Amino acid sequence: MKLNKEDYVIERTTDGGYCAYLSWNMQCMVHGDTPEEALDSLQETINDYIHWMYLVDEFV
């Protein structure tokens, strides 16, 4: 799943890093040293989540 600009929010943290989360689900939050790193990590997390959802669906 390719994330669009309106799908996520990136904010600077107090420690100088960045956090990225889905605009429709703040529980899916990742951190990175740069905005690009945080976004890449969020994209990877979403792809892993979707992959595991399909594996569970096939198992059931």
PDB file of N, CA and C in Angstrom:
ATOM      1  N   MET A   1       0.842  -1.173   0.000  1.00  0.00           N
ATOM      2  CA  MET A   1       0.000   0.000   0.000  1.00  0.00           C
ATOM      3  C   MET A   1       0.891   1.241   0.000  1.00  0.00           C
ATOM      4  N   LYS A   2       0.700   2.085  -0.960  1.00  0.00           N
ATOM      5  CA  LYS A   2       1.466   3.331  -1.049  1.00  0.00           C
ATOM      6  C   LYS A   2       0.731   4.424  -0.280  1.00  0.00           C
ATOM      7  N   LEU A   3       1.426   5.049   0.657  1.00  0.00           N
ATOM      8  CA  LEU A   3       0.822   6.111   1.452  1.00  0.00           C
ATOM      9  C   LEU A   3       0.780   7.415   0.673  1.00  0.00           C
ATOM     10  N   ASN A   4      -0.353   8.097   0.723  1.00  0.00           N
ATOM     11  CA  ASN A   4      -0.496   9.426   0.146  1.00  0.00           C
ATOM     12  C   ASN A   4      -0.228  10.472   1.223  1.00  0.00           C
ATOM     13  N   LYS A   5       0.017  11.691   0.829  1.00  0.00           N
ATOM     14  CA  LYS A   5       0.329  12.777   1.764  1.00  0.00           C
ATOM     15  C   LYS A   5      -0.758  12.963   2.828  1.00  0.00           C
ATOM     16  N   GLU A   6      -2.015  12.744   2.467  1.00  0.00           N
ATOM     17  CA  GLU A   6      -3.104  12.925   3.432  1.00  0.00           C
ATOM     18  C   GLU A   6      -3.296  11.718   4.349  1.00  0.00           C
ATOM     19  N   ASP A   7      -2.560  10.631   4.123  1.00  0.00           N
ATOM     20  CA  ASP A   7      -2.682   9.419   4.939  1.00  0.00           C
ATOM     21  C   ASP A   7      -1.867   9.469   6.220  1.00  0.00           C
ATOM     22  N   TYR A   8      -0.892  10.361   6.321  1.00  0.00           N
ATOM     23  CA  TYR A   8       0.008  10.349   7.464  1.00  0.00           C
ATOM     24  C   TYR A   8       0.311  11.764   7.965  1.00  0.00           C
ATOM     25  N   VAL A   9       0.843  11.820   9.188  1.00  0.00           N
ATOM     26  CA  VAL A   9       1.279  13.071   9.809  1.00  0.00           C
ATOM     27  C   VAL A   9       2.694  12.838  10.320  1.00  0.00           C
ATOM     28  N   ILE A  10       3.568  13.796  10.112  1.00  0.00           N
ATOM     29  CA  ILE A  10       4.926  13.736  10.643  1.00  0.00           C
ATOM     30  C   ILE A  10       5.113  14.933  11.568  1.00  0.00           C
ATOM     31  N   GLU A  11       5.575  14.668  12.785  1.00  0.00           N
ATOM     32  CA  GLU A  11       5.796  15.730  13.763  1.00  0.00           C
ATOM     33  C   GLU A  11       7.194  15.620  14.351  1.00  0.00           C
ATOM     34  N   ARG A  12       7.755  16.733  14.709  1.00  0.00           N
ATOM     35  CA  ARG A  12       9.060  16.755  15.367  1.00  0.00           C
ATOM     36  C   ARG A  12       8.856  16.449  16.847  1.00  0.00           C
ATOM     37  N   THR A  13       9.742  15.629  17.411  1.00  0.00           N
ATOM     38  CA  THR A  13       9.651  15.275  18.822  1.00  0.00           C
ATOM     39  C   THR A  13      10.569  16.168  19.644  1.00  0.00           C
ATOM     40  N   THR A  14      10.411  16.141  20.956  1.00  0.00           N
ATOM     41  CA  THR A  14      11.209  16.995  21.832  1.00  0.00           C
ATOM     42  C   THR A  14      12.674  16.584  21.872  1.00  0.00           C
ATOM     43  N   ASP A  15      12.975  15.342  21.514  1.00  0.00           N
ATOM     44  CA  ASP A  15      14.368  14.892  21.523  1.00  0.00           C
ATOM     45  C   ASP A  15      15.084  15.151  20.197  1.00  0.00           C
ATOM     46  N   GLY A  16      14.432  15.834  19.267  1.00  0.00           N
ATOM     47  CA  GLY A  16      15.052  16.179  17.995  1.00  0.00           C
ATOM     48  C   GLY A  16      14.754  15.223  16.870  1.00  0.00           C
ATOM     49  N   GLY A  17      14.092  14.121  17.144  1.00  0.00           N
ATOM     50  CA  GLY A  17      13.713  13.164  16.108  1.00  0.00           C
ATOM     51  C   GLY A  17      12.363  13.520  15.517  1.00  0.00           C
ATOM     52  N   TYR A  18      11.799  12.566  14.820  1.00  0.00           N
ATOM     53  CA  TYR A  18      10.485  12.759  14.197  1.00  0.00           C
ATOM     54  C   TYR A  18       9.629  11.533  14.439  1.00  0.00           C
ATOM     55  N   CYS A  19       8.330  11.754  14.586  1.00  0.00           N
ATOM     56  CA  CYS A  19       7.400  10.633  14.661  1.00  0.00           C
ATOM     57  C   CYS A  19       6.430  10.765  13.493  1.00  0.00           C
ATOM     58  N   ALA A  20       6.038   9.636  12.974  1.00  0.00           N
ATOM     59  CA  ALA A  20       5.079   9.594  11.871  1.00  0.00           C
ATOM     60  C   ALA A  20       3.963   8.647  12.272  1.00  0.00           C
ATOM     61  N   TYR A  21       2.736   9.031  11.960  1.00  0.00           N
ATOM     62  CA  TYR A  21       1.591   8.172  12.263  1.00  0.00           C
ATOM     63  C   TYR A  21       0.517   8.368  11.214  1.00  0.00           C
ATOM     64  N   LEU A  22      -0.355   7.391  11.145  1.00  0.00           N
ATOM     65  CA  LEU A  22      -1.464   7.461  10.201  1.00  0.00           C
ATOM     66  C   LEU A  22      -2.462   8.502  10.676  1.00  0.00           C
ATOM     67  N   SER A  23      -2.983   9.295   9.768  1.00  0.00           N
ATOM     68  CA  SER A  23      -3.929  10.344  10.144  1.00  0.00           C
ATOM     69  C   SER A  23      -5.233   9.768  10.675  1.00  0.00           C
ATOM     70  N   TRP A  24      -5.527   8.520  10.348  1.00  0.00           N
ATOM     71  CA  TRP A  24      -6.761   7.887  10.790  1.00  0.00           C
ATOM     72  C   TRP A  24      -6.537   6.863  11.903  1.00  0.00           C
ATOM     73  N   ASN A  25      -5.276   6.703  12.364  1.00  0.00           N
ATOM     74  CA  ASN A  25      -4.992   5.743  13.431  1.00  0.00           C
ATOM     75  C   ASN A  25      -3.674   6.116  14.106  1.00  0.00           C
ATOM     76  N   MET A  26      -3.744   6.872  15.189  1.00  0.00           N
ATOM     77  CA  MET A  26      -2.530   7.321  15.873  1.00  0.00           C
ATOM     78  C   MET A  26      -1.811   6.184  16.590  1.00  0.00           C
ATOM     79  N   GLN A  27      -2.448   5.035  16.743  1.00  0.00           N
ATOM     80  CA  GLN A  27      -1.801   3.919  17.422  1.00  0.00           C
ATOM     81  C   GLN A  27      -0.698   3.304  16.581  1.00  0.00           C
ATOM     82  N   CYS A  28      -0.696   3.564  15.303  1.00  0.00           N
ATOM     83  CA  CYS A  28       0.358   3.089  14.412  1.00  0.00           C
ATOM     84  C   CYS A  28       1.366   4.223  14.262  1.00  0.00           C
ATOM     85  N   MET A  29       2.301   4.305  15.216  1.00  0.00           N
ATOM     86  CA  MET A  29       3.257   5.404  15.256  1.00  0.00           C
ATOM     87  C   MET A  29       4.677   4.858  15.219  1.00  0.00           C
ATOM     88  N   VAL A  30       5.539   5.515  14.450  1.00  0.00           N
ATOM     89  CA  VAL A  30       6.940   5.126  14.345  1.00  0.00           C
ATOM     90  C   VAL A  30       7.814   6.356  14.541  1.00  0.00           C
ATOM     91  N   HIS A  31       9.094   6.119  14.796  1.00  0.00           N
ATOM     92  CA  HIS A  31      10.039   7.215  15.022  1.00  0.00           C
ATOM     93  C   HIS A  31      11.200   7.102  14.052  1.00  0.00           C
ATOM     94  N   GLY A  32      11.845   8.237  13.794  1.00  0.00           N
ATOM     95  CA  GLY A  32      13.029   8.277  12.951  1.00  0.00           C
ATOM     96  C   GLY A  32      13.846   9.515  13.248  1.00  0.00           C
ATOM     97  N   ASP A  33      15.094   9.511  12.814  1.00  0.00           N
ATOM     98  CA  ASP A  33      15.971  10.667  13.023  1.00  0.00           C
ATOM     99  C   ASP A  33      15.658  11.808  12.062  1.00  0.00           C
ATOM    100  N   THR A  34      15.098  11.475  10.899  1.00  0.00           N
ATOM    101  CA  THR A  34      14.716  12.474   9.897  1.00  0.00           C
ATOM    102  C   THR A  34      13.261  12.214   9.489  1.00  0.00           C
ATOM    103  N   PRO A  35      12.604  13.199   8.887  1.00  0.00           N
ATOM    104  CA  PRO A  35      11.232  12.960   8.418  1.00  0.00           C
ATOM    105  C   PRO A  35      11.165  11.822   7.397  1.00  0.00           C
ATOM    106  N   GLU A  36      12.169  11.738   6.530  1.00  0.00           N
ATOM    107  CA  GLU A  36      12.186  10.683   5.510  1.00  0.00           C
ATOM    108  C   GLU A  36      12.328   9.304   6.151  1.00  0.00           C
ATOM    109  N   GLU A  37      13.183   9.213   7.163  1.00  0.00           N
ATOM    110  CA  GLU A  37      13.371   7.941   7.860  1.00  0.00           C
ATOM    111  C   GLU A  37      12.094   7.515   8.580  1.00  0.00           C
ATOM    112  N   ALA A  38      11.416   8.465   9.202  1.00  0.00           N
ATOM    113  CA  ALA A  38      10.153   8.158   9.885  1.00  0.00           C
ATOM    114  C   ALA A  38       9.102   7.706   8.882  1.00  0.00           C
ATOM    115  N   LEU A  39       9.023   8.366   7.738  1.00  0.00           N
ATOM    116  CA  LEU A  39       8.039   7.990   6.715  1.00  0.00           C
ATOM    117  C   LEU A  39       8.356   6.622   6.125  1.00  0.00           C
ATOM    118  N   ASP A  40       9.627   6.345   5.865  1.00  0.00           N
ATOM    119  CA  ASP A  40      10.017   5.028   5.358  1.00  0.00           C
ATOM    120  C   ASP A  40       9.659   3.935   6.356  1.00  0.00           C
ATOM    121  N   SER A  41       9.885   4.205   7.625  1.00  0.00           N
ATOM    122  CA  SER A  41       9.558   3.239   8.671  1.00  0.00           C
ATOM    123  C   SER A  41       8.047   3.016   8.762  1.00  0.00           C
ATOM    124  N   LEU A  42       7.275   4.084   8.619  1.00  0.00           N
ATOM    125  CA  LEU A  42       5.816   3.954   8.634  1.00  0.00           C
ATOM    126  C   LEU A  42       5.340   3.129   7.447  1.00  0.00           C
ATOM    127  N   GLN A  43       5.901   3.391   6.270  1.00  0.00           N
ATOM    128  CA  GLN A  43       5.531   2.623   5.074  1.00  0.00           C
ATOM    129  C   GLN A  43       5.840   1.145   5.264  1.00  0.00           C
ATOM    130  N   GLU A  44       6.999   0.844   5.814  1.00  0.00           N
ATOM    131  CA  GLU A  44       7.386  -0.543   6.062  1.00  0.00           C
ATOM    132  C   GLU A  44       6.462  -1.209   7.088  1.00  0.00           C
ATOM    133  N   THR A  45       6.111  -0.467   8.120  1.00  0.00           N
ATOM    134  CA  THR A  45       5.216  -0.999   9.149  1.00  0.00           C
ATOM    135  C   THR A  45       3.840  -1.319   8.570  1.00  0.00           C
ATOM    136  N   ILE A  46       3.315  -0.433   7.748  1.00  0.00           N
ATOM    137  CA  ILE A  46       2.003  -0.653   7.117  1.00  0.00           C
ATOM    138  C   ILE A  46       2.059  -1.864   6.194  1.00  0.00           C
ATOM    139  N   ASN A  47       3.113  -1.980   5.410  1.00  0.00           N
ATOM    140  CA  ASN A  47       3.240  -3.123   4.506  1.00  0.00           C
ATOM    141  C   ASN A  47       3.324  -4.432   5.285  1.00  0.00           C
ATOM    142  N   ASP A  48       4.088  -4.451   6.386  1.00  0.00           N
ATOM    143  CA  ASP A  48       4.169  -5.645   7.225  1.00  0.00           C
ATOM    144  C   ASP A  48       2.815  -5.986   7.833  1.00  0.00           C
ATOM    145  N   TYR A  49       2.103  -4.975   8.295  1.00  0.00           N
ATOM    146  CA  TYR A  49       0.787  -5.182   8.900  1.00  0.00           C
ATOM    147  C   TYR A  49      -0.182  -5.805   7.890  1.00  0.00           C
ATOM    148  N   ILE A  50      -0.199  -5.266   6.683  1.00  0.00           N
ATOM    149  CA  ILE A  50      -1.085  -5.805   5.646  1.00  0.00           C
ATOM    150  C   ILE A  50      -0.687  -7.234   5.296  1.00  0.00           C
ATOM    151  N   HIS A  51       0.607  -7.490   5.209  1.00  0.00           N
ATOM    152  CA  HIS A  51       1.089  -8.840   4.917  1.00  0.00           C
ATOM    153  C   HIS A  51       0.593  -9.828   5.977  1.00  0.00           C
ATOM    154  N   TRP A  52       0.739  -9.474   7.251  1.00  0.00           N
ATOM    155  CA  TRP A  52       0.309 -10.376   8.326  1.00  0.00           C
ATOM    156  C   TRP A  52      -1.206 -10.520   8.376  1.00  0.00           C
ATOM    157  N   MET A  53      -1.950  -9.479   8.004  1.00  0.00           N
ATOM    158  CA  MET A  53      -3.414  -9.595   7.956  1.00  0.00           C
ATOM    159  C   MET A  53      -3.819 -10.658   6.942  1.00  0.00           C
ATOM    160  N   TYR A  54      -3.169 -10.667   5.780  1.00  0.00           N
ATOM    161  CA  TYR A  54      -3.493 -11.648   4.756  1.00  0.00           C
ATOM    162  C   TYR A  54      -3.091 -13.060   5.183  1.00  0.00           C
ATOM    163  N   LEU A  55      -1.972 -13.183   5.890  1.00  0.00           N
ATOM    164  CA  LEU A  55      -1.575 -14.493   6.370  1.00  0.00           C
ATOM    165  C   LEU A  55      -2.570 -15.041   7.380  1.00  0.00           C
ATOM    166  N   VAL A  56      -3.059 -14.206   8.266  1.00  0.00           N
ATOM    167  CA  VAL A  56      -4.060 -14.639   9.253  1.00  0.00           C
ATOM    168  C   VAL A  56      -5.345 -15.038   8.549  1.00  0.00           C
ATOM    169  N   ASP A  57      -5.752 -14.255   7.550  1.00  0.00           N
ATOM    170  CA  ASP A  57      -6.974 -14.554   6.810  1.00  0.00           C
ATOM    171  C   ASP A  57      -6.858 -15.898   6.097  1.00  0.00           C
ATOM    172  N   GLU A  58      -5.693 -16.210   5.542  1.00  0.00           N
ATOM    173  CA  GLU A  58      -5.485 -17.493   4.876  1.00  0.00           C
ATOM    174  C   GLU A  58      -5.488 -18.642   5.874  1.00  0.00           C
ATOM    175  N   PHE A  59      -4.992 -18.416   7.070  1.00  0.00           N
ATOM    176  CA  PHE A  59      -4.930 -19.449   8.096  1.00  0.00           C
ATOM    177  C   PHE A  59      -6.321 -19.783   8.627  1.00  0.00           C
ATOM    178  N   VAL A  60      -7.141 -18.788   8.797  1.00  0.00           N
ATOM    179  CA  VAL A  60      -8.489 -18.991   9.329  1.00  0.00           C
ATOM    180  C   VAL A  60      -9.330 -19.575   8.239  1.00  0.00           C
TER     181      VAL A  60
END
